[in-house]
Amino acid sequence: MAGDYSSCTRRKFIYNVSAAVGAGVVLSSPLFSKAAHFNKSEETYTVKQIMDMFIKDVPGGVLANTVDTLKAGSPDTKVTGIVTTMFATIAVIRNAIDLGANFIIAHEPTFYNHADDTSWLQDDEVYRYKVKLLKQHDIAIWRNHDYIHHLLPDGVTMGVLAKLDWQKYADEKNPNIITIPPATLKGLIMHAKAKLNIERVRYIGDPAQKCTRVLLMPGAAGGQRQVEAIIKVKPDVLVCGEIQEWETAEFVRDALAKGDNLSLVVLGHIASEEPGSEFMLNWLKEKVPGIKATHVPSGNSLSFL
């Protein structure tokens, strides 16, 4: 889902190297392993205690209306290990089981709609299989979407900036606005693909166009919001997660026909927000170092021919 496009201050975060495990790539840090060894704590935490700790860091605290609820399991479950991910897919759940983790913190829905309404899925075999798997292994799932976007600065945006190595170029008041050294649109795209491990992206614009002012909007901000941001910020390029093709893409196409210096790069929703789950991983390692935390990328659901 969309990041919170608002003014905020910069932070620096350090991200971990990746190692292949099972069905996906699992991120863990050798430094963390040593820290856990030397700083081992006998203290235990429940699912609710960890949720409450994160919410405490969010300005304003508990949100009145939020999708960030437990999707499976009990808040009183004693946590044995944590997995962070974008989507709590069946493959990710199996990875969590193999890792001995019983708490998954996912950024996006578990049951195929924004509110995780399952009333229409009760007789579906895919849904029932997933629920049974979670119950068999006493796994809790918490969606952390609204809260991480309400951090100041936005945790997902800061995770993406770190992954792209753009923290130093981000505006101090609004890190969604980045001023990079002059680069071609093609060069910018190649950089994003390499840093975010993306096979292909969609774009509008001249690959030779010079880009300096970048507007970064991870996730799915929505067409009107994206267009309004373009009008206000006047970037050389909008780099976003996903679009509705009949909205933002058509605005950019007309802007180009008018003669504006504007391009669009569509990274894909998962690729554009995955670093937010790595941000969550680092938060856990700082706040609850005695519990093993692992990032398991859910990967792209779509393939390319």
Protein backbone atom coordinates (compact mmCIF):
# COMPACT_ATOMS: atom_id res chain seq x y z
CA MET A 1 0.00 0.00 0.00
CA ALA A 2 0.97 3.61 -0.23
CA GLY A 3 3.65 5.30 1.89
CA ASP A 4 2.83 8.44 3.82
CA TYR A 5 3.85 11.35 1.55
CA SER A 6 4.56 13.97 4.23
CA SER A 7 7.32 16.19 5.64
CA CYS A 8 9.73 14.48 7.99
CA THR A 9 13.36 14.28 9.05
CA ARG A 10 16.10 11.96 7.84
CA ARG A 11 17.64 8.99 9.61
CA LYS A 12 20.41 6.60 8.73
CA PHE A 13 19.89 2.88 8.82
CA ILE A 14 22.30 0.00 8.17
CA TYR A 15 21.03 -2.94 6.15
CA ASN A 16 22.14 -6.54 6.16
CA VAL A 17 23.61 -8.82 3.52
CA SER A 18 21.48 -11.62 2.07
CA ALA A 19 21.86 -15.39 2.08
CA ALA A 20 19.69 -17.90 0.26
CA VAL A 21 17.47 -20.07 2.45
CA GLY A 22 14.69 -22.41 1.34
CA ALA A 23 12.16 -20.89 -1.02
CA GLY A 24 13.45 -17.34 -0.74
CA VAL A 25 16.32 -15.12 0.26
CA VAL A 26 16.59 -14.66 4.00
CA LEU A 27 18.43 -11.66 5.37
CA SER A 28 20.41 -11.99 8.58
CA SER A 29 23.44 -10.27 9.97
CA PRO A 30 26.61 -11.93 11.27
CA LEU A 31 26.97 -8.96 13.59
CA PHE A 32 23.51 -9.64 14.93
CA SER A 33 24.33 -13.30 15.55
CA LYS A 34 27.31 -12.25 17.66
CA ALA A 35 25.30 -9.61 19.46
CA ALA A 36 22.61 -12.14 20.28
CA HIS A 37 25.28 -14.48 21.63
CA PHE A 38 26.96 -11.91 23.89
CA ASN A 39 23.79 -10.06 24.90
CA LYS A 40 21.55 -13.05 25.37
CA SER A 41 18.60 -12.16 27.55
CA GLU A 42 16.36 -14.45 29.53
CA GLU A 43 13.52 -11.99 29.04
CA THR A 44 10.60 -13.26 26.99
CA TYR A 45 8.06 -11.25 25.02
CA THR A 46 4.52 -11.88 23.92
CA VAL A 47 3.19 -10.94 20.51
CA LYS A 48 1.22 -8.07 22.06
CA GLN A 49 4.23 -6.69 23.93
CA ILE A 50 6.23 -6.41 20.71
CA MET A 51 3.29 -4.86 18.88
CA ASP A 52 2.85 -2.33 21.70
CA MET A 53 6.57 -1.48 21.68
CA PHE A 54 6.44 -0.56 18.01
CA ILE A 55 3.20 1.40 18.31
CA LYS A 56 4.79 3.37 21.17
CA ASP A 57 7.39 4.68 18.70
CA VAL A 58 4.69 6.04 16.39
CA PRO A 59 3.68 9.69 16.90
CA GLY A 60 0.16 9.72 18.30
CA GLY A 61 0.31 6.07 19.35
CA VAL A 62 -2.69 3.82 18.75
CA LEU A 63 -4.61 4.58 15.55
CA ALA A 64 -8.39 4.73 15.79
CA ASN A 65 -8.97 3.13 12.39
CA THR A 66 -6.33 0.76 11.12
CA VAL A 67 -5.86 -2.50 9.22
CA ASP A 68 -2.88 -3.26 11.48
CA THR A 69 -4.48 -6.06 13.47
CA LEU A 70 -3.59 -9.66 14.25
CA LYS A 71 -4.54 -11.83 11.28
CA ALA A 72 -3.76 -15.12 13.00
CA GLY A 73 -2.73 -16.39 16.41
CA SER A 74 -3.03 -15.00 19.91
CA PRO A 75 -1.63 -11.74 21.33
CA ASP A 76 -0.54 -13.73 24.40
CA THR A 77 1.70 -16.10 22.43
CA LYS A 78 5.28 -16.20 23.76
CA VAL A 79 7.51 -15.32 20.82
CA THR A 80 10.19 -17.86 19.89
CA GLY A 81 11.35 -16.13 16.72
CA ILE A 82 10.17 -13.47 14.29
CA VAL A 83 9.97 -13.25 10.51
CA THR A 84 9.48 -9.95 8.71
CA THR A 85 8.09 -9.97 5.18
CA MET A 86 5.90 -8.13 2.69
CA PHE A 87 3.29 -10.88 2.35
CA ALA A 88 2.73 -13.81 4.71
CA THR A 89 2.49 -16.28 1.84
CA ILE A 90 2.30 -20.02 2.37
CA ALA A 91 5.96 -20.22 1.29
CA VAL A 92 6.92 -17.57 3.87
CA ILE A 93 4.94 -19.39 6.57
CA ARG A 94 6.81 -22.62 5.77
CA ASN A 95 10.10 -20.72 5.99
CA ALA A 96 9.05 -19.38 9.40
CA ILE A 97 8.30 -22.93 10.58
CA ASP A 98 11.74 -24.10 9.41
CA LEU A 99 13.34 -21.18 11.26
CA GLY A 100 11.46 -21.94 14.48
CA ALA A 101 9.68 -18.57 14.31
CA ASN A 102 6.09 -18.27 15.53
CA PHE A 103 5.49 -14.56 14.84
CA ILE A 104 5.29 -13.08 11.33
CA ILE A 105 5.18 -9.32 10.85
CA ALA A 106 3.86 -8.63 7.35
CA HIS A 107 3.38 -5.30 5.62
CA GLU A 108 0.48 -6.32 3.40
CA PRO A 109 -2.73 -8.39 3.75
CA THR A 110 -2.69 -12.09 4.50
CA PHE A 111 -6.08 -12.94 3.03
CA TYR A 112 -6.28 -11.24 -0.35
CA ASN A 113 -8.00 -7.94 0.45
CA HIS A 114 -7.02 -4.74 2.23
CA ALA A 115 -9.18 -5.30 5.32
CA ASP A 116 -8.43 -9.05 5.52
CA ASP A 117 -12.17 -9.70 5.47
CA THR A 118 -12.49 -13.49 5.33
CA SER A 119 -16.29 -13.84 5.36
CA TRP A 120 -16.30 -14.59 1.63
CA LEU A 121 -13.48 -17.15 1.88
CA GLN A 122 -14.86 -19.58 4.47
CA ASP A 123 -15.46 -22.43 2.00
CA ASP A 124 -12.34 -21.80 -0.10
CA GLU A 125 -9.69 -24.53 0.03
CA VAL A 126 -6.70 -22.17 -0.33
CA TYR A 127 -7.87 -20.03 2.58
CA ARG A 128 -8.66 -23.07 4.74
CA TYR A 129 -5.26 -24.66 4.00
CA LYS A 130 -3.46 -21.47 5.03
CA VAL A 131 -5.47 -21.07 8.24
CA LYS A 132 -4.90 -24.73 9.15
CA LEU A 133 -1.14 -24.39 8.59
CA LEU A 134 -1.00 -21.35 10.87
CA LYS A 135 -3.04 -23.04 13.60
CA GLN A 136 -1.04 -26.28 13.45
CA HIS A 137 2.15 -24.38 14.19
CA ASP A 138 0.66 -21.70 16.51
CA ILE A 139 1.89 -18.86 14.31
CA ALA A 140 0.72 -15.30 14.87
CA ILE A 141 0.62 -12.75 12.03
CA TRP A 142 0.51 -9.02 12.61
CA ARG A 143 0.09 -6.63 9.72
CA ASN A 144 2.28 -3.55 10.24
CA HIS A 145 1.23 -1.23 7.45
CA ASP A 146 -0.33 1.93 8.83
CA TYR A 147 1.98 2.19 11.83
CA ILE A 148 5.26 1.89 9.92
CA HIS A 149 4.01 4.51 7.45
CA HIS A 150 3.07 6.80 10.37
CA LEU A 151 6.58 6.79 11.77
CA LEU A 152 8.49 10.04 11.39
CA PRO A 153 10.22 9.59 9.08
CA ASP A 154 8.19 6.95 7.22
CA GLY A 155 9.89 3.60 7.83
CA VAL A 156 9.25 2.25 4.33
CA THR A 157 10.59 5.36 2.61
CA MET A 158 13.71 5.31 4.76
CA GLY A 159 14.21 1.62 4.03
CA VAL A 160 13.99 2.24 0.27
CA LEU A 161 16.39 5.20 0.45
CA ALA A 162 18.90 3.06 2.33
CA LYS A 163 18.63 0.25 -0.20
CA LEU A 164 19.09 2.68 -3.11
CA ASP A 165 21.93 4.45 -1.28
CA TRP A 166 20.06 7.73 -1.71
CA GLN A 167 19.85 8.83 1.94
CA LYS A 168 22.48 11.51 1.38
CA TYR A 169 20.48 12.98 -1.51
CA ALA A 170 17.08 13.10 0.23
CA ASP A 171 15.52 16.39 1.27
CA GLU A 172 15.74 16.85 5.05
CA LYS A 173 12.13 18.02 5.36
CA ASN A 174 10.66 15.59 2.86
CA PRO A 175 12.80 12.52 2.06
CA ASN A 176 10.43 11.54 -0.76
CA ILE A 177 12.13 14.30 -2.77
CA ILE A 178 15.65 13.32 -3.82
CA THR A 179 18.25 15.35 -5.71
CA ILE A 180 20.72 12.93 -7.27
CA PRO A 181 23.83 13.69 -9.30
CA PRO A 182 22.79 14.11 -12.98
CA ALA A 183 22.03 10.74 -14.54
CA THR A 184 20.20 9.47 -17.59
CA LEU A 185 16.80 7.88 -17.12
CA LYS A 186 18.32 4.59 -18.29
CA GLY A 187 21.14 4.91 -15.75
CA LEU A 188 18.65 5.61 -12.96
CA ILE A 189 16.60 2.57 -13.97
CA MET A 190 19.67 0.32 -14.07
CA HIS A 191 20.68 1.56 -10.62
CA ALA A 192 17.22 0.85 -9.16
CA LYS A 193 17.07 -2.60 -10.74
CA ALA A 194 20.48 -3.57 -9.38
CA LYS A 195 19.93 -2.20 -5.87
CA LEU A 196 16.39 -3.54 -5.45
CA ASN A 197 16.98 -6.82 -7.28
CA ILE A 198 14.30 -6.16 -9.92
CA GLU A 199 14.21 -8.14 -13.14
CA ARG A 200 12.32 -5.57 -15.21
CA VAL A 201 10.53 -2.24 -14.71
CA ARG A 202 7.98 -0.33 -16.75
CA TYR A 203 8.72 3.26 -17.67
CA ILE A 204 7.63 6.25 -19.74
CA GLY A 205 10.20 8.67 -21.12
CA ASP A 206 13.36 9.02 -23.15
CA PRO A 207 16.11 6.72 -21.80
CA ALA A 208 18.62 9.49 -22.56
CA GLN A 209 16.70 12.12 -20.55
CA LYS A 210 18.80 13.78 -17.83
CA CYS A 211 17.36 13.25 -14.35
CA THR A 212 18.29 15.08 -11.17
CA ARG A 213 15.08 15.74 -9.22
CA VAL A 214 13.39 12.47 -8.22
CA LEU A 215 10.01 12.03 -6.57
CA LEU A 216 9.89 8.68 -4.74
CA MET A 217 6.47 7.22 -3.90
CA PRO A 218 6.75 3.55 -2.88
CA GLY A 219 3.70 1.31 -2.90
CA ALA A 220 0.32 2.27 -4.37
CA ALA A 221 -0.34 5.92 -3.57
CA GLY A 222 -3.19 6.19 -6.08
CA GLY A 223 -3.39 8.11 -9.34
CA GLN A 224 -4.71 11.45 -8.11
CA ARG A 225 -2.18 11.54 -5.28
CA GLN A 226 0.67 10.75 -7.64
CA VAL A 227 -0.40 13.39 -10.17
CA GLU A 228 -0.92 16.03 -7.48
CA ALA A 229 2.57 15.30 -6.16
CA ILE A 230 4.04 15.66 -9.67
CA ILE A 231 2.29 19.02 -10.07
CA LYS A 232 3.59 20.24 -6.71
CA VAL A 233 7.14 18.88 -6.76
CA LYS A 234 7.83 19.15 -10.52
CA PRO A 235 10.29 16.24 -10.62
CA ASP A 236 12.28 15.03 -13.60
CA VAL A 237 11.03 11.54 -12.80
CA LEU A 238 8.44 9.89 -10.58
CA VAL A 239 9.69 6.56 -9.20
CA CYS A 240 6.76 4.65 -7.74
CA GLY A 241 5.57 1.19 -6.80
CA GLU A 242 2.49 0.73 -8.92
CA ILE A 243 -0.04 2.74 -10.90
CA GLN A 244 -3.45 2.49 -12.43
CA GLU A 245 -2.50 2.64 -16.07
CA TRP A 246 -5.39 4.88 -17.05
CA GLU A 247 -4.42 7.60 -14.55
CA THR A 248 -0.78 8.48 -13.78
CA ALA A 249 0.62 6.98 -16.98
CA GLU A 250 -1.73 9.07 -19.13
CA PHE A 251 -0.85 12.26 -17.26
CA VAL A 252 2.87 11.64 -17.79
CA ARG A 253 2.32 10.81 -21.46
CA ASP A 254 0.45 14.07 -22.02
CA ALA A 255 3.06 16.04 -20.04
CA LEU A 256 5.76 14.64 -22.34
CA ALA A 257 3.72 15.53 -25.43
CA LYS A 258 3.39 19.07 -24.06
CA GLY A 259 7.19 19.24 -23.81
CA ASP A 260 7.72 18.75 -20.05
CA ASN A 261 10.91 17.10 -18.78
CA LEU A 262 9.10 14.27 -16.98
CA SER A 263 9.47 10.50 -16.85
CA LEU A 264 7.83 7.68 -14.93
CA VAL A 265 9.43 4.53 -13.51
CA VAL A 266 7.14 1.82 -12.12
CA LEU A 267 9.14 -0.56 -9.90
CA GLY A 268 6.31 -2.87 -8.87
CA HIS A 269 4.53 -2.79 -5.52
CA ILE A 270 6.51 -5.50 -3.74
CA ALA A 271 9.93 -4.35 -4.98
CA SER A 272 9.20 -0.76 -3.99
CA GLU A 273 8.24 -1.55 -0.38
CA GLU A 274 10.25 -4.68 0.46
CA PRO A 275 12.99 -2.57 2.13
CA GLY A 276 10.38 -1.50 4.68
CA SER A 277 10.36 -5.06 6.01
CA GLU A 278 14.15 -4.84 6.33
CA PHE A 279 13.65 -1.60 8.28
CA MET A 280 11.35 -3.59 10.57
CA LEU A 281 14.03 -6.26 10.94
CA ASN A 282 16.58 -3.69 12.14
CA TRP A 283 14.04 -2.20 14.56
CA LEU A 284 13.50 -5.65 16.09
CA LYS A 285 17.23 -6.30 16.42
CA GLU A 286 17.61 -3.04 18.31
CA LYS A 287 14.55 -3.37 20.54
CA VAL A 288 14.38 -7.13 21.22
CA PRO A 289 17.93 -8.41 20.57
CA GLY A 290 17.32 -11.60 22.53
CA ILE A 291 14.82 -12.88 19.96
CA LYS A 292 16.04 -14.16 16.61
CA ALA A 293 14.56 -12.05 13.80
CA THR A 294 14.86 -12.88 10.11
CA HIS A 295 13.68 -11.14 6.97
CA VAL A 296 12.13 -13.52 4.43
CA PRO A 297 11.27 -11.79 1.15
CA SER A 298 7.92 -12.93 -0.24
CA GLY A 299 9.24 -12.32 -3.77
CA ASN A 300 7.27 -11.14 -6.79
CA SER A 301 4.04 -13.02 -7.42
CA LEU A 302 4.36 -12.30 -11.15
CA SER A 303 6.91 -13.55 -13.66
CA PHE A 304 8.03 -11.97 -16.94
CA LEU A 305 8.38 -13.50 -20.41
